[in-house]
Amino acid sequence: MSTTNRRFYRLRAPDGTQDGTAVSVRVIDDPVERFPVYLAVGGGRRRIYLTAHEAWTLWRCLSEGVASLGEPPANVRVVIRPEAR
């Protein structure tokens, strides 16, 4: 598989340390890929591989659930540009 069809999205969540907790998502543009979405929280210690349908369903549940907590914090009000790696 070519690495050109992989995109990584990364952001850190404040956790009381200088660096914060890493949150990363890898998306693979390949119609035959069984799990095109990879989610890692905390430097990869907690990770999950998702189908496209599972990822969309997770997104919907997370967006509704997290929105019920109130306004988003400043650290997530940024543009996240995809990286090749």
Protein backbone atom coordinates (compact mmCIF):
# COMPACT_ATOMS: atom_id res chain seq x y z
CA MET A 1 0.00 0.00 0.00
CA SER A 2 1.23 3.47 -0.86
CA THR A 3 1.63 5.86 2.06
CA THR A 4 0.25 8.70 -0.10
CA ASN A 5 -3.30 7.59 0.62
CA ARG A 6 -2.85 7.88 4.41
CA ARG A 7 -3.73 11.02 6.30
CA PHE A 8 -3.03 11.70 9.97
CA TYR A 9 -4.90 14.18 12.13
CA ARG A 10 -3.39 15.03 15.52
CA LEU A 11 -4.28 17.21 18.46
CA ARG A 12 -3.31 17.27 22.12
CA ALA A 13 -5.77 17.45 24.99
CA PRO A 14 -4.70 19.30 28.14
CA ASP A 15 -4.20 16.85 31.01
CA GLY A 16 -2.17 18.84 33.53
CA THR A 17 1.19 17.98 31.97
CA GLN A 18 3.25 20.17 29.67
CA ASP A 19 2.56 18.08 26.56
CA GLY A 20 -0.99 16.91 27.23
CA THR A 21 -2.57 13.74 25.90
CA ALA A 22 -2.03 12.93 22.23
CA VAL A 23 -5.09 12.12 20.15
CA SER A 24 -4.48 10.84 16.62
CA VAL A 25 -6.66 9.63 13.78
CA ARG A 26 -5.31 7.90 10.68
CA VAL A 27 -7.52 7.66 7.60
CA ILE A 28 -6.66 5.41 4.67
CA ASP A 29 -8.26 6.13 1.29
CA ASP A 30 -8.51 2.60 -0.02
CA PRO A 31 -11.85 0.99 -0.88
CA VAL A 32 -10.57 -2.49 0.02
CA GLU A 33 -9.22 -1.46 3.42
CA ARG A 34 -11.35 -3.22 6.05
CA PHE A 35 -10.65 -0.70 8.82
CA PRO A 36 -9.84 2.63 7.14
CA VAL A 37 -9.95 4.64 10.39
CA TYR A 38 -7.52 4.21 13.28
CA LEU A 39 -8.02 6.16 16.49
CA ALA A 40 -5.29 6.43 19.14
CA VAL A 41 -5.55 8.24 22.47
CA GLY A 42 -2.59 8.73 24.79
CA GLY A 43 0.33 7.89 22.55
CA GLY A 44 -1.30 4.76 21.16
CA ARG A 45 -1.95 3.05 24.49
CA ARG A 46 -5.66 3.16 23.81
CA ARG A 47 -6.46 2.46 20.18
CA ILE A 48 -9.27 1.25 18.01
CA TYR A 49 -9.60 0.29 14.37
CA LEU A 50 -12.92 1.24 12.78
CA THR A 51 -14.84 0.59 9.60
CA ALA A 52 -16.11 3.69 7.82
CA HIS A 53 -19.64 3.02 9.13
CA GLU A 54 -18.38 2.59 12.69
CA ALA A 55 -16.34 5.80 12.44
CA TRP A 56 -19.34 7.80 11.24
CA THR A 57 -21.51 6.30 13.98
CA LEU A 58 -18.87 7.08 16.62
CA TRP A 59 -18.59 10.63 15.29
CA ARG A 60 -22.34 11.15 15.58
CA CYS A 61 -22.54 9.75 19.13
CA LEU A 62 -19.46 11.67 20.27
CA SER A 63 -20.60 14.94 18.73
CA GLU A 64 -24.01 14.76 20.42
CA GLY A 65 -22.65 13.54 23.75
CA VAL A 66 -19.78 16.01 23.97
CA ALA A 67 -21.97 18.91 22.80
CA SER A 68 -24.15 18.30 25.85
CA LEU A 69 -21.16 19.32 28.03
CA GLY A 70 -21.32 22.93 26.82
CA GLU A 71 -19.13 25.13 24.66
CA PRO A 72 -15.92 23.61 23.27
CA PRO A 73 -12.65 24.64 24.96
CA ALA A 74 -10.16 26.91 23.19
CA ASN A 75 -7.66 24.09 22.52
CA VAL A 76 -10.02 22.45 20.00
CA ARG A 77 -10.91 25.65 18.17
CA VAL A 78 -8.04 25.22 15.74
CA VAL A 79 -7.65 24.12 12.17
CA ILE A 80 -6.23 20.59 11.97
CA ARG A 81 -4.38 20.00 8.74
CA PRO A 82 -3.82 16.43 7.60
CA GLU A 83 -0.24 15.18 7.56
CA ALA A 84 1.25 12.47 5.41
CA ARG A 85 2.90 11.05 8.54
